[in-house]
PDB file of N, CA and C in Angstrom:
ATOM      1  N   MET A   1      15.054  54.744  16.607  1.00  0.00           N
ATOM      2  CA  MET A   1      14.031  55.193  17.522  1.00  0.00           C
ATOM      3  C   MET A   1      14.626  55.207  18.936  1.00  0.00           C
ATOM      4  N   LYS A   2      14.469  56.315  19.601  1.00  0.00           N
ATOM      5  CA  LYS A   2      14.973  56.453  20.971  1.00  0.00           C
ATOM      6  C   LYS A   2      13.853  56.094  21.946  1.00  0.00           C
ATOM      7  N   ILE A   3      14.163  55.208  22.878  1.00  0.00           N
ATOM      8  CA  ILE A   3      13.174  54.760  23.865  1.00  0.00           C
ATOM      9  C   ILE A   3      13.537  55.375  25.208  1.00  0.00           C
ATOM     10  N   PRO A   4      12.604  56.142  25.790  1.00  0.00           N
ATOM     11  CA  PRO A   4      12.886  56.787  27.086  1.00  0.00           C
ATOM     12  C   PRO A   4      13.072  55.760  28.209  1.00  0.00           C
ATOM     13  N   ALA A   5      13.819  56.147  29.206  1.00  0.00           N
ATOM     14  CA  ALA A   5      14.085  55.266  30.350  1.00  0.00           C
ATOM     15  C   ALA A   5      12.806  54.933  31.114  1.00  0.00           C
ATOM     16  N   THR A   6      11.880  55.882  31.202  1.00  0.00           N
ATOM     17  CA  THR A   6      10.634  55.616  31.930  1.00  0.00           C
ATOM     18  C   THR A   6       9.813  54.536  31.229  1.00  0.00           C
ATOM     19  N   PHE A   7       9.823  54.536  29.911  1.00  0.00           N
ATOM     20  CA  PHE A   7       9.112  53.494  29.174  1.00  0.00           C
ATOM     21  C   PHE A   7       9.724  52.125  29.458  1.00  0.00           C
ATOM     22  N   LYS A   8      11.049  52.054  29.478  1.00  0.00           N
ATOM     23  CA  LYS A   8      11.720  50.787  29.758  1.00  0.00           C
ATOM     24  C   LYS A   8      11.373  50.266  31.146  1.00  0.00           C
ATOM     25  N   VAL A   9      11.328  51.164  32.122  1.00  0.00           N
ATOM     26  CA  VAL A   9      10.992  50.754  33.493  1.00  0.00           C
ATOM     27  C   VAL A   9       9.567  50.213  33.550  1.00  0.00           C
ATOM     28  N   VAL A  10       8.641  50.935  32.969  1.00  0.00           N
ATOM     29  CA  VAL A  10       7.237  50.494  32.974  1.00  0.00           C
ATOM     30  C   VAL A  10       7.100  49.169  32.239  1.00  0.00           C
ATOM     31  N   PHE A  11       7.754  49.054  31.105  1.00  0.00           N
ATOM     32  CA  PHE A  11       7.668  47.821  30.315  1.00  0.00           C
ATOM     33  C   PHE A  11       8.186  46.626  31.110  1.00  0.00           C
ATOM     34  N   TRP A  12       9.349  46.759  31.746  1.00  0.00           N
ATOM     35  CA  TRP A  12       9.921  45.638  32.485  1.00  0.00           C
ATOM     36  C   TRP A  12       9.144  45.308  33.756  1.00  0.00           C
ATOM     37  N   VAL A  13       8.517  46.306  34.356  1.00  0.00           N
ATOM     38  CA  VAL A  13       7.655  46.032  35.516  1.00  0.00           C
ATOM     39  C   VAL A  13       6.446  45.211  35.082  1.00  0.00           C
ATOM     40  N   VAL A  14       5.860  45.569  33.957  1.00  0.00           N
ATOM     41  CA  VAL A  14       4.705  44.822  33.451  1.00  0.00           C
ATOM     42  C   VAL A  14       5.121  43.411  33.050  1.00  0.00           C
ATOM     43  N   VAL A  15       6.267  43.262  32.408  1.00  0.00           N
ATOM     44  CA  VAL A  15       6.753  41.926  32.048  1.00  0.00           C
ATOM     45  C   VAL A  15       6.993  41.095  33.316  1.00  0.00           C
ATOM     46  N   GLY A  16       7.573  41.697  34.338  1.00  0.00           N
ATOM     47  CA  GLY A  16       7.797  40.991  35.594  1.00  0.00           C
ATOM     48  C   GLY A  16       6.499  40.571  36.265  1.00  0.00           C
ATOM     49  N   PHE A  17       5.526  41.469  36.266  1.00  0.00           N
ATOM     50  CA  PHE A  17       4.210  41.170  36.838  1.00  0.00           C
ATOM     51  C   PHE A  17       3.563  39.992  36.110  1.00  0.00           C
ATOM     52  N   THR A  18       3.659  39.991  34.793  1.00  0.00           N
ATOM     53  CA  THR A  18       3.084  38.915  33.987  1.00  0.00           C
ATOM     54  C   THR A  18       3.806  37.603  34.272  1.00  0.00           C
ATOM     55  N   PHE A  19       5.127  37.645  34.363  1.00  0.00           N
ATOM     56  CA  PHE A  19       5.911  36.445  34.641  1.00  0.00           C
ATOM     57  C   PHE A  19       5.570  35.869  36.019  1.00  0.00           C
ATOM     58  N   VAL A  20       5.439  36.718  37.013  1.00  0.00           N
ATOM     59  CA  VAL A  20       5.094  36.260  38.356  1.00  0.00           C
ATOM     60  C   VAL A  20       3.711  35.598  38.359  1.00  0.00           C
ATOM     61  N   SER A  21       2.789  36.123  37.581  1.00  0.00           N
ATOM     62  CA  SER A  21       1.458  35.515  37.483  1.00  0.00           C
ATOM     63  C   SER A  21       1.542  34.128  36.850  1.00  0.00           C
ATOM     64  N   PHE A  22       2.352  33.980  35.793  1.00  0.00           N
ATOM     65  CA  PHE A  22       2.537  32.664  35.179  1.00  0.00           C
ATOM     66  C   PHE A  22       3.167  31.682  36.164  1.00  0.00           C
ATOM     67  N   VAL A  23       4.156  32.135  36.902  1.00  0.00           N
ATOM     68  CA  VAL A  23       4.816  31.271  37.888  1.00  0.00           C
ATOM     69  C   VAL A  23       3.819  30.859  38.973  1.00  0.00           C
ATOM     70  N   GLY A  24       2.965  31.786  39.382  1.00  0.00           N
ATOM     71  CA  GLY A  24       1.942  31.466  40.379  1.00  0.00           C
ATOM     72  C   GLY A  24       0.978  30.400  39.900  1.00  0.00           C
ATOM     73  N   LEU A  25       0.559  30.498  38.649  1.00  0.00           N
ATOM     74  CA  LEU A  25      -0.329  29.464  38.103  1.00  0.00           C
ATOM     75  C   LEU A  25       0.389  28.128  37.990  1.00  0.00           C
ATOM     76  N   GLY A  26       1.653  28.163  37.601  1.00  0.00           N
ATOM     77  CA  GLY A  26       2.420  26.923  37.531  1.00  0.00           C
ATOM     78  C   GLY A  26       2.595  26.289  38.900  1.00  0.00           C
ATOM     79  N   TYR A  27       2.866  27.118  39.895  1.00  0.00           N
ATOM     80  CA  TYR A  27       2.995  26.625  41.264  1.00  0.00           C
ATOM     81  C   TYR A  27       1.703  25.961  41.720  1.00  0.00           C
ATOM     82  N   LEU A  28       0.588  26.602  41.434  1.00  0.00           N
ATOM     83  CA  LEU A  28      -0.702  26.040  41.828  1.00  0.00           C
ATOM     84  C   LEU A  28      -0.991  24.743  41.079  1.00  0.00           C
ATOM     85  N   ALA A  29      -0.602  24.680  39.818  1.00  0.00           N
ATOM     86  CA  ALA A  29      -0.831  23.461  39.041  1.00  0.00           C
ATOM     87  C   ALA A  29       0.005  22.297  39.560  1.00  0.00           C
ATOM     88  N   ILE A  30       1.223  22.591  40.003  1.00  0.00           N
ATOM     89  CA  ILE A  30       2.106  21.519  40.455  1.00  0.00           C
ATOM     90  C   ILE A  30       1.854  21.144  41.912  1.00  0.00           C
ATOM     91  N   TYR A  31       1.735  22.150  42.779  1.00  0.00           N
ATOM     92  CA  TYR A  31       1.674  21.894  44.212  1.00  0.00           C
ATOM     93  C   TYR A  31       0.279  22.071  44.818  1.00  0.00           C
ATOM     94  N   GLY A  32      -0.711  22.418  44.026  1.00  0.00           N
ATOM     95  CA  GLY A  32      -2.060  22.609  44.549  1.00  0.00           C
ATOM     96  C   GLY A  32      -2.721  21.281  44.882  1.00  0.00           C
ATOM     97  N   ASP A  33      -3.886  21.371  45.468  1.00  0.00           N
ATOM     98  CA  ASP A  33      -4.647  20.161  45.765  1.00  0.00           C
ATOM     99  C   ASP A  33      -4.944  19.399  44.482  1.00  0.00           C
ATOM    100  N   THR A  34      -5.144  18.132  44.608  1.00  0.00           N
ATOM    101  CA  THR A  34      -5.465  17.302  43.447  1.00  0.00           C
ATOM    102  C   THR A  34      -6.976  17.155  43.340  1.00  0.00           C
ATOM    103  N   ALA A  35      -7.658  18.248  43.298  1.00  0.00           N
ATOM    104  CA  ALA A  35      -9.116  18.232  43.209  1.00  0.00           C
ATOM    105  C   ALA A  35      -9.529  17.981  41.758  1.00  0.00           C
ATOM    106  N   ASN A  36     -10.638  17.299  41.586  1.00  0.00           N
ATOM    107  CA  ASN A  36     -11.149  17.026  40.244  1.00  0.00           C
ATOM    108  C   ASN A  36     -12.074  18.118  39.747  1.00  0.00           C
ATOM    109  N   ALA A  37     -12.632  18.889  40.647  1.00  0.00           N
ATOM    110  CA  ALA A  37     -13.550  19.955  40.266  1.00  0.00           C
ATOM    111  C   ALA A  37     -13.137  21.232  40.984  1.00  0.00           C
ATOM    112  N   GLU A  38     -13.445  22.366  40.375  1.00  0.00           N
ATOM    113  CA  GLU A  38     -13.063  23.645  40.973  1.00  0.00           C
ATOM    114  C   GLU A  38     -13.717  23.851  42.331  1.00  0.00           C
ATOM    115  N   ALA A  39     -14.918  23.313  42.512  1.00  0.00           N
ATOM    116  CA  ALA A  39     -15.626  23.489  43.776  1.00  0.00           C
ATOM    117  C   ALA A  39     -14.912  22.780  44.925  1.00  0.00           C
ATOM    118  N   GLU A  40     -14.032  21.811  44.613  1.00  0.00           N
ATOM    119  CA  GLU A  40     -13.324  21.079  45.652  1.00  0.00           C
ATOM    120  C   GLU A  40     -12.065  21.801  46.120  1.00  0.00           C
ATOM    121  N   LEU A  41     -11.638  22.841  45.412  1.00  0.00           N
ATOM    122  CA  LEU A  41     -10.455  23.588  45.820  1.00  0.00           C
ATOM    123  C   LEU A  41     -10.774  24.440  47.041  1.00  0.00           C
ATOM    124  N   SER A  42      -9.736  24.738  47.822  1.00  0.00           N
ATOM    125  CA  SER A  42      -9.951  25.591  48.979  1.00  0.00           C
ATOM    126  C   SER A  42     -10.234  27.022  48.524  1.00  0.00           C
ATOM    127  N   PHE A  43     -10.776  27.817  49.406  1.00  0.00           N
ATOM    128  CA  PHE A  43     -11.112  29.198  49.098  1.00  0.00           C
ATOM    129  C   PHE A  43      -9.879  29.986  48.660  1.00  0.00           C
ATOM    130  N   PHE A  44      -8.776  29.799  49.366  1.00  0.00           N
ATOM    131  CA  PHE A  44      -7.565  30.552  49.061  1.00  0.00           C
ATOM    132  C   PHE A  44      -6.950  30.129  47.727  1.00  0.00           C
ATOM    133  N   GLN A  45      -7.053  28.859  47.395  1.00  0.00           N
ATOM    134  CA  GLN A  45      -6.540  28.414  46.098  1.00  0.00           C
ATOM    135  C   GLN A  45      -7.388  28.971  44.957  1.00  0.00           C
ATOM    136  N   ARG A  46      -8.684  29.048  45.140  1.00  0.00           N
ATOM    137  CA  ARG A  46      -9.540  29.646  44.103  1.00  0.00           C
ATOM    138  C   ARG A  46      -9.218  31.119  43.933  1.00  0.00           C
ATOM    139  N   GLN A  47      -9.014  31.831  45.048  1.00  0.00           N
ATOM    140  CA  GLN A  47      -8.672  33.251  44.974  1.00  0.00           C
ATOM    141  C   GLN A  47      -7.297  33.455  44.335  1.00  0.00           C
ATOM    142  N   PHE A  48      -6.344  32.620  44.699  1.00  0.00           N
ATOM    143  CA  PHE A  48      -5.001  32.706  44.125  1.00  0.00           C
ATOM    144  C   PHE A  48      -5.043  32.437  42.624  1.00  0.00           C
ATOM    145  N   HIS A  49      -5.813  31.441  42.216  1.00  0.00           N
ATOM    146  CA  HIS A  49      -5.962  31.130  40.794  1.00  0.00           C
ATOM    147  C   HIS A  49      -6.594  32.301  40.055  1.00  0.00           C
ATOM    148  N   SER A  50      -7.618  32.889  40.624  1.00  0.00           N
ATOM    149  CA  SER A  50      -8.277  34.032  39.980  1.00  0.00           C
ATOM    150  C   SER A  50      -7.329  35.215  39.849  1.00  0.00           C
ATOM    151  N   ALA A  51      -6.556  35.494  40.890  1.00  0.00           N
ATOM    152  CA  ALA A  51      -5.621  36.622  40.854  1.00  0.00           C
ATOM    153  C   ALA A  51      -4.525  36.400  39.817  1.00  0.00           C
ATOM    154  N   CYS A  52      -3.966  35.198  39.768  1.00  0.00           N
ATOM    155  CA  CYS A  52      -2.918  34.920  38.783  1.00  0.00           C
ATOM    156  C   CYS A  52      -3.462  34.908  37.362  1.00  0.00           C
ATOM    157  N   ASN A  53      -4.649  34.374  37.185  1.00  0.00           N
ATOM    158  CA  ASN A  53      -5.265  34.354  35.866  1.00  0.00           C
ATOM    159  C   ASN A  53      -5.527  35.781  35.383  1.00  0.00           C
ATOM    160  N   PHE A  54      -6.056  36.617  36.247  1.00  0.00           N
ATOM    161  CA  PHE A  54      -6.271  38.022  35.900  1.00  0.00           C
ATOM    162  C   PHE A  54      -4.941  38.722  35.626  1.00  0.00           C
ATOM    163  N   GLY A  55      -3.921  38.382  36.394  1.00  0.00           N
ATOM    164  CA  GLY A  55      -2.618  39.023  36.252  1.00  0.00           C
ATOM    165  C   GLY A  55      -1.963  38.773  34.909  1.00  0.00           C
ATOM    166  N   TRP A  56      -1.956  37.516  34.448  1.00  0.00           N
ATOM    167  CA  TRP A  56      -1.302  37.261  33.170  1.00  0.00           C
ATOM    168  C   TRP A  56      -2.111  37.819  32.018  1.00  0.00           C
ATOM    169  N   GLN A  57      -3.444  37.781  32.113  1.00  0.00           N
ATOM    170  CA  GLN A  57      -4.260  38.339  31.037  1.00  0.00           C
ATOM    171  C   GLN A  57      -4.087  39.847  30.942  1.00  0.00           C
ATOM    172  N   THR A  58      -4.101  40.509  32.067  1.00  0.00           N
ATOM    173  CA  THR A  58      -3.909  41.956  32.086  1.00  0.00           C
ATOM    174  C   THR A  58      -2.495  42.322  31.654  1.00  0.00           C
ATOM    175  N   GLY A  59      -1.524  41.567  32.129  1.00  0.00           N
ATOM    176  CA  GLY A  59      -0.134  41.830  31.778  1.00  0.00           C
ATOM    177  C   GLY A  59       0.123  41.661  30.293  1.00  0.00           C
ATOM    178  N   LEU A  60      -0.413  40.611  29.698  1.00  0.00           N
ATOM    179  CA  LEU A  60      -0.237  40.397  28.266  1.00  0.00           C
ATOM    180  C   LEU A  60      -0.878  41.522  27.463  1.00  0.00           C
ATOM    181  N   GLY A  61      -2.062  41.949  27.870  1.00  0.00           N
ATOM    182  CA  GLY A  61      -2.721  43.074  27.200  1.00  0.00           C
ATOM    183  C   GLY A  61      -1.929  44.359  27.338  1.00  0.00           C
ATOM    184  N   ALA A  62      -1.346  44.571  28.523  1.00  0.00           N
ATOM    185  CA  ALA A  62      -0.544  45.778  28.736  1.00  0.00           C
ATOM    186  C   ALA A  62       0.729  45.745  27.903  1.00  0.00           C
ATOM    187  N   ILE A  63       1.367  44.581  27.802  1.00  0.00           N
ATOM    188  CA  ILE A  63       2.574  44.464  26.986  1.00  0.00           C
ATOM    189  C   ILE A  63       2.259  44.774  25.532  1.00  0.00           C
ATOM    190  N   LEU A  64       1.195  44.178  25.023  1.00  0.00           N
ATOM    191  CA  LEU A  64       0.820  44.444  23.631  1.00  0.00           C
ATOM    192  C   LEU A  64       0.457  45.908  23.427  1.00  0.00           C
ATOM    193  N   GLY A  65      -0.221  46.502  24.391  1.00  0.00           N
ATOM    194  CA  GLY A  65      -0.575  47.916  24.299  1.00  0.00           C
ATOM    195  C   GLY A  65       0.644  48.817  24.336  1.00  0.00           C
ATOM    196  N   LEU A  66       1.601  48.499  25.199  1.00  0.00           N
ATOM    197  CA  LEU A  66       2.821  49.304  25.267  1.00  0.00           C
ATOM    198  C   LEU A  66       3.628  49.197  23.977  1.00  0.00           C
ATOM    199  N   ILE A  67       3.759  47.990  23.451  1.00  0.00           N
ATOM    200  CA  ILE A  67       4.503  47.808  22.204  1.00  0.00           C
ATOM    201  C   ILE A  67       3.770  48.512  21.062  1.00  0.00           C
ATOM    202  N   GLY A  68       2.455  48.324  20.982  1.00  0.00           N
ATOM    203  CA  GLY A  68       1.680  48.973  19.924  1.00  0.00           C
ATOM    204  C   GLY A  68       1.741  50.486  20.012  1.00  0.00           C
ATOM    205  N   GLY A  69       1.691  51.008  21.213  1.00  0.00           N
ATOM    206  CA  GLY A  69       1.781  52.454  21.382  1.00  0.00           C
ATOM    207  C   GLY A  69       3.144  52.998  21.003  1.00  0.00           C
ATOM    208  N   LYS A  70       4.192  52.221  21.283  1.00  0.00           N
ATOM    209  CA  LYS A  70       5.541  52.665  20.958  1.00  0.00           C
ATOM    210  C   LYS A  70       5.788  52.583  19.445  1.00  0.00           C
ATOM    211  N   VAL A  71       5.196  51.602  18.781  1.00  0.00           N
ATOM    212  CA  VAL A  71       5.367  51.468  17.336  1.00  0.00           C
ATOM    213  C   VAL A  71       4.745  52.649  16.603  1.00  0.00           C
ATOM    214  N   THR A  72       3.595  53.102  17.073  1.00  0.00           N
ATOM    215  CA  THR A  72       2.935  54.218  16.397  1.00  0.00           C
ATOM    216  C   THR A  72       3.532  55.571  16.758  1.00  0.00           C
ATOM    217  N   ASP A  73       4.430  55.582  17.713  1.00  0.00           N
ATOM    218  CA  ASP A  73       5.051  56.837  18.167  1.00  0.00           C
ATOM    219  C   ASP A  73       6.023  57.383  17.156  1.00  0.00           C
TER     220      ASP A  73
END
């Protein structure tokens, strides 16, 4: 099966985006405030957590979709 260069670029960009989101969540888990409840986190930490959480979920779905689409091709 021949894989076009554009597919490889899109795939690796999505993988990179997903990886950066995971790293962001890890950074927040290690270096974030030691709050016991989500309401105690700062506004920016809550927004950062939401963005990274959305990023890895979307990225994982996109990776599976790209692989699934390429398999059926």
